[in-house]
């Protein structure tokens, strides 16, 4: 089994799609932990605000297999197969940290670069796994978040309709 940190987000019918995505992840893998939900503006394009959170799962698969599985979940929930990088999403699930691996594995860059660049990824990750070390920098996610706040991109915790569902899976 591999311990994986995932980023889950949506800006289209956000509560519904995230709740369904979390339910499908829980059904497939179980969920070891989940952050609060965080809201942020769309970056790189004009669109509705996103809700993002981080979850921790144990998976019995390798990186490429997990990436294909997650993409199929996104497609099942309405993500267009030809979606561009900077566009609205019904559901977006990204592998942030796969068992501490660094480098390109099965065509996936690990850890995900957005961890260091975007508050909407780092804030929930630092809440979920504050003392875990970023595989490349060897700094804790908490320390990275403290340093990132100086470049603050606006993010805020939000009430989430599926919070009752998510809470039982927190450690």
C-alpha atoms as a PDB file:
ATOM      1  CA  UNK A   1       0.000   0.000   0.000  1.00  0.00           C
ATOM      2  CA  UNK A   2       1.141   3.534  -0.746  1.00  0.00           C
ATOM      3  CA  UNK A   3       0.209   6.624   1.265  1.00  0.00           C
ATOM      4  CA  UNK A   4      -0.943   9.366  -1.076  1.00  0.00           C
ATOM      5  CA  UNK A   5      -2.002  12.980  -0.577  1.00  0.00           C
ATOM      6  CA  UNK A   6      -4.567  14.180  -3.100  1.00  0.00           C
ATOM      7  CA  UNK A   7      -5.902  17.615  -3.940  1.00  0.00           C
ATOM      8  CA  UNK A   8      -9.645  17.681  -4.643  1.00  0.00           C
ATOM      9  CA  UNK A   9     -11.330  20.732  -6.133  1.00  0.00           C
ATOM     10  CA  UNK A  10     -14.316  22.014  -8.070  1.00  0.00           C
ATOM     11  CA  UNK A  11     -15.810  25.272  -9.276  1.00  0.00           C
ATOM     12  CA  UNK A  12     -18.955  23.881 -10.944  1.00  0.00           C
ATOM     13  CA  UNK A  13     -21.745  22.814  -8.578  1.00  0.00           C
ATOM     14  CA  UNK A  14     -18.891  22.583  -6.100  1.00  0.00           C
ATOM     15  CA  UNK A  15     -20.484  20.962  -3.047  1.00  0.00           C
ATOM     16  CA  UNK A  16     -22.206  18.256  -5.068  1.00  0.00           C
ATOM     17  CA  UNK A  17     -19.194  17.248  -7.152  1.00  0.00           C
ATOM     18  CA  UNK A  18     -16.721  17.286  -4.275  1.00  0.00           C
ATOM     19  CA  UNK A  19     -19.077  15.251  -2.071  1.00  0.00           C
ATOM     20  CA  UNK A  20     -19.541  12.668  -4.828  1.00  0.00           C
ATOM     21  CA  UNK A  21     -15.793  12.594  -5.523  1.00  0.00           C
ATOM     22  CA  UNK A  22     -14.990  12.073  -1.857  1.00  0.00           C
ATOM     23  CA  UNK A  23     -17.612   9.363  -1.615  1.00  0.00           C
ATOM     24  CA  UNK A  24     -16.109   7.532  -4.597  1.00  0.00           C
ATOM     25  CA  UNK A  25     -12.583   7.846  -3.151  1.00  0.00           C
ATOM     26  CA  UNK A  26     -13.793   6.576   0.205  1.00  0.00           C
ATOM     27  CA  UNK A  27     -15.544   3.637  -1.442  1.00  0.00           C
ATOM     28  CA  UNK A  28     -12.422   2.699  -3.416  1.00  0.00           C
ATOM     29  CA  UNK A  29      -9.663   3.339  -0.853  1.00  0.00           C
ATOM     30  CA  UNK A  30     -11.053   4.594   2.448  1.00  0.00           C
ATOM     31  CA  UNK A  31     -10.011   8.041   3.568  1.00  0.00           C
ATOM     32  CA  UNK A  32      -7.443   8.425   6.337  1.00  0.00           C
ATOM     33  CA  UNK A  33      -7.749  12.184   6.658  1.00  0.00           C
ATOM     34  CA  UNK A  34      -9.270  15.268   5.104  1.00  0.00           C
ATOM     35  CA  UNK A  35      -8.584  18.986   5.459  1.00  0.00           C
ATOM     36  CA  UNK A  36     -11.154  21.699   5.754  1.00  0.00           C
ATOM     37  CA  UNK A  37     -12.575  23.110   2.545  1.00  0.00           C
ATOM     38  CA  UNK A  38     -10.849  26.248   1.246  1.00  0.00           C
ATOM     39  CA  UNK A  39     -12.242  28.713  -1.272  1.00  0.00           C
ATOM     40  CA  UNK A  40     -10.124  30.626  -3.771  1.00  0.00           C
ATOM     41  CA  UNK A  41     -10.589  32.585  -6.953  1.00  0.00           C
ATOM     42  CA  UNK A  42      -9.941  30.852 -10.249  1.00  0.00           C
ATOM     43  CA  UNK A  43      -6.295  31.396 -11.250  1.00  0.00           C
ATOM     44  CA  UNK A  44      -5.256  31.834 -14.852  1.00  0.00           C
ATOM     45  CA  UNK A  45      -8.784  32.305 -16.207  1.00  0.00           C
ATOM     46  CA  UNK A  46     -12.087  34.001 -15.463  1.00  0.00           C
ATOM     47  CA  UNK A  47     -14.434  31.614 -13.707  1.00  0.00           C
ATOM     48  CA  UNK A  48     -16.358  30.967 -10.515  1.00  0.00           C
ATOM     49  CA  UNK A  49     -14.361  30.451  -7.302  1.00  0.00           C
ATOM     50  CA  UNK A  50     -13.068  26.993  -6.462  1.00  0.00           C
ATOM     51  CA  UNK A  51     -13.433  24.924  -3.332  1.00  0.00           C
ATOM     52  CA  UNK A  52     -10.354  22.788  -2.647  1.00  0.00           C
ATOM     53  CA  UNK A  53      -9.323  20.344   0.046  1.00  0.00           C
ATOM     54  CA  UNK A  54      -6.676  17.721   0.601  1.00  0.00           C
ATOM     55  CA  UNK A  55      -7.237  14.078   1.477  1.00  0.00           C
ATOM     56  CA  UNK A  56      -4.958  11.242   2.489  1.00  0.00           C
ATOM     57  CA  UNK A  57      -5.570   7.742   1.177  1.00  0.00           C
ATOM     58  CA  UNK A  58      -3.779   4.392   1.091  1.00  0.00           C
ATOM     59  CA  UNK A  59      -3.749   2.923  -2.409  1.00  0.00           C
ATOM     60  CA  UNK A  60      -2.746  -0.554  -3.599  1.00  0.00           C
ATOM     61  CA  UNK A  61      -1.635   0.772  -6.996  1.00  0.00           C
ATOM     62  CA  UNK A  62       1.281   2.538  -8.579  1.00  0.00           C
ATOM     63  CA  UNK A  63       1.395   6.167  -9.746  1.00  0.00           C
ATOM     64  CA  UNK A  64       0.293   5.681 -13.360  1.00  0.00           C
ATOM     65  CA  UNK A  65      -2.577   3.381 -12.434  1.00  0.00           C
ATOM     66  CA  UNK A  66      -3.800   5.832  -9.786  1.00  0.00           C
ATOM     67  CA  UNK A  67      -3.547   8.770 -12.220  1.00  0.00           C
ATOM     68  CA  UNK A  68      -5.666   6.879 -14.776  1.00  0.00           C
ATOM     69  CA  UNK A  69      -8.201   5.911 -12.093  1.00  0.00           C
ATOM     70  CA  UNK A  70      -8.536   9.528 -10.907  1.00  0.00           C
ATOM     71  CA  UNK A  71      -8.934  10.834 -14.463  1.00  0.00           C
ATOM     72  CA  UNK A  72     -11.747   8.322 -15.043  1.00  0.00           C
ATOM     73  CA  UNK A  73     -13.486   9.590 -11.867  1.00  0.00           C
ATOM     74  CA  UNK A  74     -13.224  13.137 -13.221  1.00  0.00           C
ATOM     75  CA  UNK A  75     -14.703  12.056 -16.562  1.00  0.00           C
ATOM     76  CA  UNK A  76     -17.553  10.210 -14.827  1.00  0.00           C
ATOM     77  CA  UNK A  77     -18.437  13.467 -13.079  1.00  0.00           C
ATOM     78  CA  UNK A  78     -18.502  15.541 -16.238  1.00  0.00           C
ATOM     79  CA  UNK A  79     -14.966  16.744 -16.887  1.00  0.00           C
ATOM     80  CA  UNK A  80     -14.612  17.180 -20.647  1.00  0.00           C
ATOM     81  CA  UNK A  81     -11.913  14.957 -22.130  1.00  0.00           C
ATOM     82  CA  UNK A  82     -10.536  17.976 -24.008  1.00  0.00           C
ATOM     83  CA  UNK A  83     -10.521  20.351 -20.993  1.00  0.00           C
ATOM     84  CA  UNK A  84      -7.708  22.877 -21.030  1.00  0.00           C
ATOM     85  CA  UNK A  85      -5.507  23.403 -17.994  1.00  0.00           C
ATOM     86  CA  UNK A  86      -6.998  26.777 -17.062  1.00  0.00           C
ATOM     87  CA  UNK A  87     -10.719  26.062 -17.172  1.00  0.00           C
ATOM     88  CA  UNK A  88     -13.648  25.387 -14.878  1.00  0.00           C
ATOM     89  CA  UNK A  89     -13.964  21.891 -13.436  1.00  0.00           C
ATOM     90  CA  UNK A  90     -16.776  19.724 -12.117  1.00  0.00           C
ATOM     91  CA  UNK A  91     -14.081  17.755 -10.304  1.00  0.00           C
ATOM     92  CA  UNK A  92     -10.302  17.948 -10.309  1.00  0.00           C
ATOM     93  CA  UNK A  93      -8.283  15.372  -8.369  1.00  0.00           C
ATOM     94  CA  UNK A  94      -4.502  15.709  -8.396  1.00  0.00           C
ATOM     95  CA  UNK A  95      -1.804  13.507  -6.911  1.00  0.00           C
ATOM     96  CA  UNK A  96       0.127  15.902  -4.676  1.00  0.00           C
ATOM     97  CA  UNK A  97       2.483  13.512  -2.878  1.00  0.00           C
ATOM     98  CA  UNK A  98       2.766   9.799  -3.662  1.00  0.00           C
ATOM     99  CA  UNK A  99       4.625   7.984  -0.888  1.00  0.00           C
ATOM    100  CA  UNK A 100       7.297  10.701  -0.793  1.00  0.00           C
ATOM    101  CA  UNK A 101       8.489  10.025  -4.352  1.00  0.00           C
ATOM    102  CA  UNK A 102      10.449  12.700  -6.251  1.00  0.00           C
ATOM    103  CA  UNK A 103      10.830  12.991  -9.990  1.00  0.00           C
ATOM    104  CA  UNK A 104       8.819  11.912 -12.998  1.00  0.00           C
ATOM    105  CA  UNK A 105       7.089   8.598 -12.331  1.00  0.00           C
ATOM    106  CA  UNK A 106       4.849   7.077 -15.013  1.00  0.00           C
ATOM    107  CA  UNK A 107       4.711  10.504 -16.665  1.00  0.00           C
ATOM    108  CA  UNK A 108       3.565  12.240 -13.449  1.00  0.00           C
ATOM    109  CA  UNK A 109       5.828  14.901 -11.856  1.00  0.00           C
ATOM    110  CA  UNK A 110       6.106  14.269  -8.103  1.00  0.00           C
ATOM    111  CA  UNK A 111       5.600  15.984  -5.795  1.00  0.00           C
ATOM    112  CA  UNK A 112       3.140  18.222  -7.651  1.00  0.00           C
ATOM    113  CA  UNK A 113       4.679  21.643  -8.377  1.00  0.00           C
ATOM    114  CA  UNK A 114       1.485  23.507  -7.388  1.00  0.00           C
ATOM    115  CA  UNK A 115       2.180  22.637  -3.751  1.00  0.00           C
ATOM    116  CA  UNK A 116       4.879  25.318  -3.670  1.00  0.00           C
ATOM    117  CA  UNK A 117       3.090  27.795  -5.926  1.00  0.00           C
ATOM    118  CA  UNK A 118      -0.565  27.949  -4.942  1.00  0.00           C
ATOM    119  CA  UNK A 119      -2.229  28.756  -1.639  1.00  0.00           C
ATOM    120  CA  UNK A 120      -5.303  26.743  -2.592  1.00  0.00           C
ATOM    121  CA  UNK A 121      -3.107  23.605  -2.589  1.00  0.00           C
ATOM    122  CA  UNK A 122      -0.716  24.415   0.253  1.00  0.00           C
ATOM    123  CA  UNK A 123      -3.261  25.686   2.804  1.00  0.00           C
ATOM    124  CA  UNK A 124      -5.333  22.482   2.921  1.00  0.00           C
ATOM    125  CA  UNK A 125      -2.210  20.307   2.680  1.00  0.00           C
ATOM    126  CA  UNK A 126      -0.556  22.097   5.607  1.00  0.00           C
ATOM    127  CA  UNK A 127      -3.711  21.605   7.645  1.00  0.00           C
ATOM    128  CA  UNK A 128      -3.994  17.899   6.810  1.00  0.00           C
ATOM    129  CA  UNK A 129      -0.321  16.956   7.161  1.00  0.00           C
ATOM    130  CA  UNK A 130       1.461  19.854   8.900  1.00  0.00           C
ATOM    131  CA  UNK A 131       4.534  17.884   9.988  1.00  0.00           C
ATOM    132  CA  UNK A 132       4.965  15.794   6.855  1.00  0.00           C
ATOM    133  CA  UNK A 133       8.016  16.744   4.819  1.00  0.00           C
ATOM    134  CA  UNK A 134       7.708  17.937   1.247  1.00  0.00           C
ATOM    135  CA  UNK A 135       9.737  15.272  -0.604  1.00  0.00           C
ATOM    136  CA  UNK A 136      11.869  17.748  -2.584  1.00  0.00           C
ATOM    137  CA  UNK A 137      12.438  20.628  -0.150  1.00  0.00           C
ATOM    138  CA  UNK A 138      12.456  18.531   3.040  1.00  0.00           C
ATOM    139  CA  UNK A 139      10.493  21.309   4.771  1.00  0.00           C
ATOM    140  CA  UNK A 140       7.259  20.578   6.571  1.00  0.00           C
ATOM    141  CA  UNK A 141       4.035  21.547   4.847  1.00  0.00           C
ATOM    142  CA  UNK A 142       3.337  23.789   7.833  1.00  0.00           C
ATOM    143  CA  UNK A 143       6.635  25.651   7.406  1.00  0.00           C
ATOM    144  CA  UNK A 144       6.045  25.995   3.675  1.00  0.00           C
ATOM    145  CA  UNK A 145       2.579  27.454   4.344  1.00  0.00           C
ATOM    146  CA  UNK A 146       3.982  29.920   6.902  1.00  0.00           C
ATOM    147  CA  UNK A 147       6.527  31.124   4.322  1.00  0.00           C
ATOM    148  CA  UNK A 148       3.946  31.247   1.532  1.00  0.00           C
ATOM    149  CA  UNK A 149       1.547  33.467   3.468  1.00  0.00           C
ATOM    150  CA  UNK A 150       3.862  36.427   2.776  1.00  0.00           C
ATOM    151  CA  UNK A 151       2.923  36.082  -0.914  1.00  0.00           C
ATOM    152  CA  UNK A 152      -0.678  35.596   0.095  1.00  0.00           C
ATOM    153  CA  UNK A 153      -3.060  34.514  -2.575  1.00  0.00           C
ATOM    154  CA  UNK A 154      -6.501  34.933  -1.041  1.00  0.00           C
ATOM    155  CA  UNK A 155      -7.892  31.685   0.359  1.00  0.00           C
ATOM    156  CA  UNK A 156     -10.358  31.179   3.153  1.00  0.00           C
ATOM    157  CA  UNK A 157     -11.873  28.241   4.972  1.00  0.00           C
ATOM    158  CA  UNK A 158     -15.503  27.733   4.055  1.00  0.00           C
ATOM    159  CA  UNK A 159     -18.404  25.725   5.349  1.00  0.00           C
ATOM    160  CA  UNK A 160     -18.845  22.716   3.182  1.00  0.00           C
ATOM    161  CA  UNK A 161     -22.152  20.929   2.711  1.00  0.00           C
ATOM    162  CA  UNK A 162     -20.419  17.557   2.849  1.00  0.00           C
ATOM    163  CA  UNK A 163     -18.542  18.434   6.069  1.00  0.00           C
ATOM    164  CA  UNK A 164     -20.623  15.896   7.987  1.00  0.00           C
ATOM    165  CA  UNK A 165     -19.367  13.295   5.544  1.00  0.00           C
ATOM    166  CA  UNK A 166     -15.731  14.370   5.621  1.00  0.00           C
ATOM    167  CA  UNK A 167     -15.289  14.750   9.384  1.00  0.00           C
ATOM    168  CA  UNK A 168     -15.523  11.038  10.270  1.00  0.00           C
ATOM    169  CA  UNK A 169     -12.435  10.386   8.169  1.00  0.00           C
ATOM    170  CA  UNK A 170     -10.163  12.828   9.937  1.00  0.00           C
ATOM    171  CA  UNK A 171      -7.490  11.346  12.148  1.00  0.00           C
END
